[in-house]
């Protein structure tokens, strides 16, 4: 039951971009409030994979004691590793990780993912 309540609290924090990228920023303050380690908070990326109509999702996790933010990018169809590579990371085409060092960079990553999803939706049929 504790896990379900925790997931419910995290899901309340999910935001959506104009084109449907789901994202959550698990700040140090939120992690402390919920009693999560960085690793546990990183699992929040999996919470968003079953949101209807969501083709891409991002978890942003404040690191412990550092001024960096772990970025977990996931997608059903849109290639996300190119976004990760621009932001100190890499990975697979549909599952990648990166590191952001400012709120400005967080906004850039979310914006890039939103634009990639917009482009995908405009140029592909039957994705829903």
N, C-alpha and C. Protein backbone atom coordinates (compact mmCIF):
# COMPACT_ATOMS: atom_id res chain seq x y z
N UNK A 1 0.82 -1.19 0.00
CA UNK A 1 0.00 0.00 0.00
C UNK A 1 0.87 1.26 0.00
N UNK A 2 2.00 1.18 0.70
CA UNK A 2 2.90 2.34 0.75
C UNK A 2 3.36 2.71 -0.66
N UNK A 3 3.69 1.71 -1.45
CA UNK A 3 4.15 1.93 -2.81
C UNK A 3 3.06 2.59 -3.67
N UNK A 4 1.82 2.15 -3.51
CA UNK A 4 0.71 2.71 -4.28
C UNK A 4 0.50 4.18 -3.91
N UNK A 5 0.55 4.49 -2.63
CA UNK A 5 0.38 5.87 -2.17
C UNK A 5 1.52 6.76 -2.68
N UNK A 6 2.72 6.22 -2.68
CA UNK A 6 3.87 6.95 -3.17
C UNK A 6 3.72 7.24 -4.67
N UNK A 7 3.33 6.23 -5.42
CA UNK A 7 3.12 6.43 -6.87
C UNK A 7 2.03 7.45 -7.14
N UNK A 8 0.97 7.42 -6.35
CA UNK A 8 -0.13 8.39 -6.51
C UNK A 8 0.38 9.81 -6.28
N UNK A 9 1.22 9.99 -5.27
CA UNK A 9 1.77 11.33 -4.99
C UNK A 9 2.67 11.79 -6.13
N UNK A 10 3.45 10.89 -6.68
CA UNK A 10 4.32 11.24 -7.80
C UNK A 10 3.50 11.57 -9.04
N UNK A 11 2.47 10.77 -9.32
CA UNK A 11 1.65 10.99 -10.51
C UNK A 11 0.94 12.34 -10.46
N UNK A 12 0.64 12.84 -9.26
CA UNK A 12 0.03 14.16 -9.13
C UNK A 12 0.96 15.27 -9.62
N UNK A 13 2.25 14.99 -9.65
CA UNK A 13 3.25 15.99 -10.04
C UNK A 13 3.56 15.99 -11.54
N UNK A 14 3.01 15.02 -12.28
CA UNK A 14 3.29 14.91 -13.71
C UNK A 14 2.67 16.09 -14.46
N UNK A 15 3.46 16.65 -15.37
CA UNK A 15 3.00 17.73 -16.24
C UNK A 15 3.08 17.24 -17.68
N UNK A 16 2.43 17.98 -18.57
CA UNK A 16 2.41 17.60 -19.98
C UNK A 16 2.75 18.80 -20.85
N UNK A 17 3.51 18.54 -21.90
CA UNK A 17 3.82 19.59 -22.87
C UNK A 17 2.64 19.72 -23.83
N UNK A 18 2.70 20.73 -24.65
CA UNK A 18 1.64 20.98 -25.62
C UNK A 18 1.37 19.77 -26.53
N UNK A 19 2.43 19.07 -26.90
CA UNK A 19 2.29 17.94 -27.82
C UNK A 19 2.20 16.58 -27.12
N UNK A 20 2.18 16.58 -25.80
CA UNK A 20 1.90 15.35 -25.08
C UNK A 20 3.06 14.62 -24.44
N UNK A 21 4.19 15.26 -24.26
CA UNK A 21 5.28 14.63 -23.51
C UNK A 21 4.95 14.78 -22.02
N UNK A 22 4.93 13.67 -21.31
CA UNK A 22 4.72 13.70 -19.86
C UNK A 22 6.08 13.87 -19.19
N UNK A 23 6.13 14.69 -18.15
CA UNK A 23 7.39 14.83 -17.43
C UNK A 23 7.15 15.15 -15.96
N UNK A 24 8.11 14.74 -15.17
CA UNK A 24 8.06 14.99 -13.73
C UNK A 24 9.44 15.43 -13.27
N UNK A 25 9.49 16.42 -12.41
CA UNK A 25 10.74 16.85 -11.81
C UNK A 25 10.68 16.49 -10.33
N UNK A 26 11.48 15.52 -9.95
CA UNK A 26 11.55 15.11 -8.56
C UNK A 26 12.71 15.88 -7.93
N UNK A 27 12.36 16.97 -7.27
CA UNK A 27 13.35 17.84 -6.66
C UNK A 27 13.91 17.20 -5.38
N UNK A 28 15.00 17.75 -4.86
CA UNK A 28 15.54 17.26 -3.59
C UNK A 28 14.48 17.37 -2.50
N UNK A 29 13.77 18.48 -2.51
CA UNK A 29 12.73 18.71 -1.49
C UNK A 29 11.64 17.63 -1.57
N UNK A 30 11.18 17.32 -2.78
CA UNK A 30 10.16 16.29 -2.94
C UNK A 30 10.70 14.92 -2.55
N UNK A 31 11.93 14.63 -2.94
CA UNK A 31 12.54 13.33 -2.55
C UNK A 31 12.57 13.18 -1.04
N UNK A 32 13.00 14.25 -0.34
CA UNK A 32 13.07 14.19 1.12
C UNK A 32 11.67 14.01 1.71
N UNK A 33 10.70 14.76 1.18
CA UNK A 33 9.32 14.68 1.67
C UNK A 33 8.78 13.26 1.53
N UNK A 34 9.08 12.61 0.41
CA UNK A 34 8.58 11.26 0.15
C UNK A 34 9.51 10.16 0.65
N UNK A 35 10.69 10.55 1.14
CA UNK A 35 11.64 9.57 1.65
C UNK A 35 12.27 8.70 0.59
N UNK A 36 12.58 9.29 -0.57
CA UNK A 36 13.14 8.54 -1.70
C UNK A 36 14.63 8.77 -1.87
N UNK A 37 15.34 7.73 -2.26
CA UNK A 37 16.72 7.90 -2.68
C UNK A 37 16.68 8.36 -4.14
N UNK A 38 17.83 8.78 -4.66
CA UNK A 38 17.92 9.16 -6.07
C UNK A 38 17.53 7.99 -6.96
N UNK A 39 17.98 6.79 -6.61
CA UNK A 39 17.68 5.60 -7.40
C UNK A 39 16.18 5.29 -7.39
N UNK A 40 15.56 5.40 -6.22
CA UNK A 40 14.12 5.16 -6.13
C UNK A 40 13.34 6.20 -6.93
N UNK A 41 13.76 7.45 -6.85
CA UNK A 41 13.11 8.53 -7.59
C UNK A 41 13.26 8.33 -9.10
N UNK A 42 14.38 7.77 -9.52
CA UNK A 42 14.62 7.53 -10.94
C UNK A 42 13.60 6.56 -11.54
N UNK A 43 13.04 5.71 -10.71
CA UNK A 43 12.04 4.76 -11.18
C UNK A 43 10.73 5.45 -11.55
N UNK A 44 10.59 6.71 -11.19
CA UNK A 44 9.36 7.43 -11.51
C UNK A 44 9.13 7.53 -13.01
N UNK A 45 10.19 7.35 -13.80
CA UNK A 45 10.02 7.38 -15.26
C UNK A 45 9.07 6.28 -15.71
N UNK A 46 9.06 5.17 -15.03
CA UNK A 46 8.19 4.04 -15.40
C UNK A 46 6.72 4.31 -15.10
N UNK A 47 6.44 5.22 -14.20
CA UNK A 47 5.05 5.52 -13.84
C UNK A 47 4.28 6.12 -15.01
N UNK A 48 4.98 6.78 -15.90
CA UNK A 48 4.31 7.53 -16.96
C UNK A 48 4.10 6.72 -18.23
N UNK A 49 4.62 5.50 -18.29
CA UNK A 49 4.57 4.73 -19.53
C UNK A 49 3.17 4.23 -19.90
N UNK A 50 2.24 4.27 -18.97
CA UNK A 50 0.90 3.77 -19.28
C UNK A 50 -0.14 4.88 -19.37
N UNK A 51 0.29 6.12 -19.47
CA UNK A 51 -0.64 7.23 -19.63
C UNK A 51 -1.16 7.21 -21.07
N UNK A 52 -2.46 7.14 -21.22
CA UNK A 52 -3.08 7.03 -22.53
C UNK A 52 -2.68 8.22 -23.42
N UNK A 53 -2.25 7.89 -24.64
CA UNK A 53 -1.89 8.92 -25.61
C UNK A 53 -0.49 9.49 -25.42
N UNK A 54 0.20 9.06 -24.39
CA UNK A 54 1.54 9.57 -24.12
C UNK A 54 2.57 8.75 -24.89
N UNK A 55 3.29 9.41 -25.78
CA UNK A 55 4.29 8.72 -26.60
C UNK A 55 5.72 8.97 -26.11
N UNK A 56 5.87 9.91 -25.20
CA UNK A 56 7.19 10.21 -24.65
C UNK A 56 7.06 10.70 -23.23
N UNK A 57 8.05 10.38 -22.41
CA UNK A 57 8.00 10.81 -21.02
C UNK A 57 9.42 10.99 -20.48
N UNK A 58 9.53 11.91 -19.53
CA UNK A 58 10.83 12.30 -18.99
C UNK A 58 10.74 12.39 -17.47
N UNK A 59 11.72 11.81 -16.79
CA UNK A 59 11.86 11.99 -15.34
C UNK A 59 13.13 12.81 -15.11
N UNK A 60 12.99 13.85 -14.34
CA UNK A 60 14.10 14.73 -13.98
C UNK A 60 14.31 14.58 -12.48
N UNK A 61 15.48 14.10 -12.08
CA UNK A 61 15.75 13.77 -10.69
C UNK A 61 16.93 14.58 -10.18
N UNK A 62 16.70 15.43 -9.19
CA UNK A 62 17.80 16.18 -8.60
C UNK A 62 18.77 15.21 -7.93
N UNK A 63 20.06 15.36 -8.21
CA UNK A 63 21.08 14.52 -7.60
C UNK A 63 21.31 14.94 -6.16
N UNK A 64 21.86 14.04 -5.39
CA UNK A 64 22.14 14.32 -3.99
C UNK A 64 23.42 15.11 -3.86
N UNK A 65 23.36 16.28 -3.28
CA UNK A 65 24.54 17.07 -2.98
C UNK A 65 25.23 17.69 -4.18
N UNK A 66 24.76 17.43 -5.37
CA UNK A 66 25.36 18.00 -6.58
C UNK A 66 24.41 19.00 -7.19
N UNK A 67 24.90 19.79 -8.10
CA UNK A 67 24.04 20.73 -8.81
C UNK A 67 23.72 20.18 -10.19
N UNK A 68 23.36 18.91 -10.22
CA UNK A 68 23.01 18.30 -11.50
C UNK A 68 21.68 17.58 -11.36
N UNK A 69 21.05 17.37 -12.50
CA UNK A 69 19.75 16.72 -12.55
C UNK A 69 19.86 15.52 -13.48
N UNK A 70 19.55 14.34 -12.96
CA UNK A 70 19.51 13.14 -13.79
C UNK A 70 18.29 13.24 -14.69
N UNK A 71 18.46 12.90 -15.94
CA UNK A 71 17.36 12.95 -16.90
C UNK A 71 17.16 11.56 -17.47
N UNK A 72 15.94 11.06 -17.35
CA UNK A 72 15.58 9.76 -17.92
C UNK A 72 14.55 10.01 -19.01
N UNK A 73 14.91 9.71 -20.25
CA UNK A 73 14.03 9.92 -21.41
C UNK A 73 13.54 8.58 -21.92
N UNK A 74 12.23 8.48 -22.17
CA UNK A 74 11.64 7.27 -22.71
C UNK A 74 10.64 7.65 -23.79
N UNK A 75 10.43 6.73 -24.73
CA UNK A 75 9.49 6.98 -25.81
C UNK A 75 8.98 5.68 -26.41
N UNK A 76 7.82 5.75 -27.00
CA UNK A 76 7.29 4.60 -27.74
C UNK A 76 7.83 4.58 -29.16
N UNK A 77 7.87 5.74 -29.83
CA UNK A 77 8.24 5.80 -31.24
C UNK A 77 9.32 6.83 -31.55
N UNK A 78 9.37 7.89 -30.79
CA UNK A 78 10.28 9.00 -31.05
C UNK A 78 11.69 8.66 -30.56
N UNK A 79 12.68 8.92 -31.39
CA UNK A 79 14.07 8.68 -31.00
C UNK A 79 14.50 9.73 -29.97
N UNK A 80 14.95 9.27 -28.81
CA UNK A 80 15.32 10.21 -27.74
C UNK A 80 16.82 10.25 -27.47
N UNK A 81 17.58 9.29 -28.00
CA UNK A 81 19.02 9.30 -27.69
C UNK A 81 19.73 10.51 -28.28
N UNK A 82 19.20 11.07 -29.37
CA UNK A 82 19.82 12.27 -29.94
C UNK A 82 19.67 13.46 -28.99
N UNK A 83 18.54 13.52 -28.30
CA UNK A 83 18.35 14.58 -27.30
C UNK A 83 19.32 14.36 -26.15
N UNK A 84 19.42 13.12 -25.69
CA UNK A 84 20.32 12.80 -24.58
C UNK A 84 21.77 13.14 -24.91
N UNK A 85 22.19 12.84 -26.14
CA UNK A 85 23.57 13.11 -26.54
C UNK A 85 23.90 14.60 -26.50
N UNK A 86 22.93 15.45 -26.77
CA UNK A 86 23.14 16.91 -26.70
C UNK A 86 23.32 17.40 -25.26
N UNK A 87 22.91 16.54 -24.31
CA UNK A 87 22.89 16.96 -22.90
C UNK A 87 23.65 15.97 -22.02
N UNK A 88 24.91 15.73 -22.40
CA UNK A 88 25.83 14.97 -21.55
C UNK A 88 25.36 13.54 -21.29
N UNK A 89 24.79 12.88 -22.31
CA UNK A 89 24.30 11.53 -22.10
C UNK A 89 24.25 10.72 -23.37
N UNK A 90 23.41 9.73 -23.37
CA UNK A 90 23.26 8.85 -24.52
C UNK A 90 22.37 7.68 -24.14
N UNK A 91 22.41 6.65 -24.96
CA UNK A 91 21.62 5.47 -24.67
C UNK A 91 20.99 4.89 -25.90
N UNK A 92 19.89 4.21 -25.70
CA UNK A 92 19.17 3.55 -26.78
C UNK A 92 18.20 4.53 -27.44
N UNK A 93 17.70 4.18 -28.60
CA UNK A 93 16.83 5.10 -29.33
C UNK A 93 15.56 5.43 -28.57
N UNK A 94 15.02 4.51 -27.80
CA UNK A 94 13.76 4.76 -27.09
C UNK A 94 13.93 4.88 -25.57
N UNK A 95 15.15 4.71 -25.08
CA UNK A 95 15.42 4.82 -23.64
C UNK A 95 16.83 5.34 -23.44
N UNK A 96 16.92 6.57 -22.96
CA UNK A 96 18.22 7.20 -22.81
C UNK A 96 18.30 7.98 -21.51
N UNK A 97 19.51 8.37 -21.17
CA UNK A 97 19.74 9.18 -19.99
C UNK A 97 20.65 10.34 -20.32
N UNK A 98 20.52 11.40 -19.55
CA UNK A 98 21.33 12.59 -19.74
C UNK A 98 21.51 13.27 -18.39
N UNK A 99 22.25 14.37 -18.40
CA UNK A 99 22.43 15.17 -17.19
C UNK A 99 22.22 16.62 -17.54
N UNK A 100 21.40 17.29 -16.74
CA UNK A 100 21.17 18.72 -16.90
C UNK A 100 21.85 19.44 -15.74
N UNK A 101 22.27 20.67 -15.99
CA UNK A 101 22.97 21.43 -14.96
C UNK A 101 22.27 22.73 -14.58
N UNK A 102 21.06 22.95 -15.11
CA UNK A 102 20.32 24.15 -14.77
C UNK A 102 18.85 23.99 -15.15
N UNK A 103 18.02 24.86 -14.60
CA UNK A 103 16.61 24.85 -14.98
C UNK A 103 16.45 25.20 -16.45
N UNK A 104 17.34 26.05 -16.96
CA UNK A 104 17.30 26.41 -18.38
C UNK A 104 17.52 25.16 -19.24
N UNK A 105 18.48 24.33 -18.84
CA UNK A 105 18.75 23.11 -19.61
C UNK A 105 17.59 22.12 -19.50
N UNK A 106 16.94 22.06 -18.35
CA UNK A 106 15.74 21.22 -18.20
C UNK A 106 14.69 21.65 -19.20
N UNK A 107 14.45 22.95 -19.29
CA UNK A 107 13.45 23.47 -20.23
C UNK A 107 13.83 23.14 -21.66
N UNK A 108 15.13 23.21 -21.98
CA UNK A 108 15.59 22.87 -23.33
C UNK A 108 15.30 21.41 -23.66
N UNK A 109 15.58 20.52 -22.72
CA UNK A 109 15.36 19.09 -22.94
C UNK A 109 13.88 18.79 -23.15
N UNK A 110 13.04 19.35 -22.29
CA UNK A 110 11.60 19.13 -22.42
C UNK A 110 11.10 19.71 -23.74
N UNK A 111 11.59 20.88 -24.11
CA UNK A 111 11.19 21.51 -25.37
C UNK A 111 11.63 20.69 -26.58
N UNK A 112 12.86 20.18 -26.55
CA UNK A 112 13.36 19.35 -27.64
C UNK A 112 12.53 18.07 -27.79
N UNK A 113 12.17 17.47 -26.67
CA UNK A 113 11.34 16.26 -26.71
C UNK A 113 9.96 16.58 -27.25
N UNK A 114 9.42 17.72 -26.86
CA UNK A 114 8.11 18.14 -27.34
C UNK A 114 8.13 18.37 -28.84
N UNK A 115 9.16 19.02 -29.34
CA UNK A 115 9.28 19.26 -30.78
C UNK A 115 9.46 17.95 -31.55
N UNK A 116 10.22 17.03 -31.00
CA UNK A 116 10.41 15.73 -31.65
C UNK A 116 9.08 14.97 -31.72
N UNK A 117 8.30 15.04 -30.66
CA UNK A 117 7.00 14.37 -30.65
C UNK A 117 6.04 15.05 -31.63
N UNK A 118 6.07 16.36 -31.68
CA UNK A 118 5.22 17.09 -32.63
C UNK A 118 5.55 16.66 -34.06
N UNK A 119 6.83 16.61 -34.37
CA UNK A 119 7.27 16.21 -35.71
C UNK A 119 6.81 14.77 -36.01
N UNK A 120 6.96 13.89 -35.04
CA UNK A 120 6.54 12.50 -35.24
C UNK A 120 5.04 12.43 -35.54
N UNK A 121 4.24 13.12 -34.76
CA UNK A 121 2.79 13.08 -34.95
C UNK A 121 2.38 13.64 -36.31
N UNK A 122 3.06 14.70 -36.74
CA UNK A 122 2.75 15.31 -38.03
C UNK A 122 3.12 14.45 -39.21
N UNK A 123 4.12 13.60 -39.05
CA UNK A 123 4.64 12.83 -40.18
C UNK A 123 4.35 11.34 -40.12
N UNK A 124 3.55 10.91 -39.17
CA UNK A 124 3.23 9.50 -39.05
C UNK A 124 1.75 9.32 -38.72
N UNK A 125 1.19 8.28 -39.25
CA UNK A 125 -0.23 7.96 -39.00
C UNK A 125 -0.33 6.71 -38.15
N UNK A 126 -1.46 6.58 -37.46
CA UNK A 126 -1.74 5.37 -36.70
C UNK A 126 -0.92 5.19 -35.44
N UNK A 127 -0.41 6.27 -34.87
CA UNK A 127 0.43 6.16 -33.67
C UNK A 127 -0.37 6.02 -32.39
N UNK A 128 -1.67 6.31 -32.42
CA UNK A 128 -2.46 6.22 -31.19
C UNK A 128 -3.22 4.92 -31.12
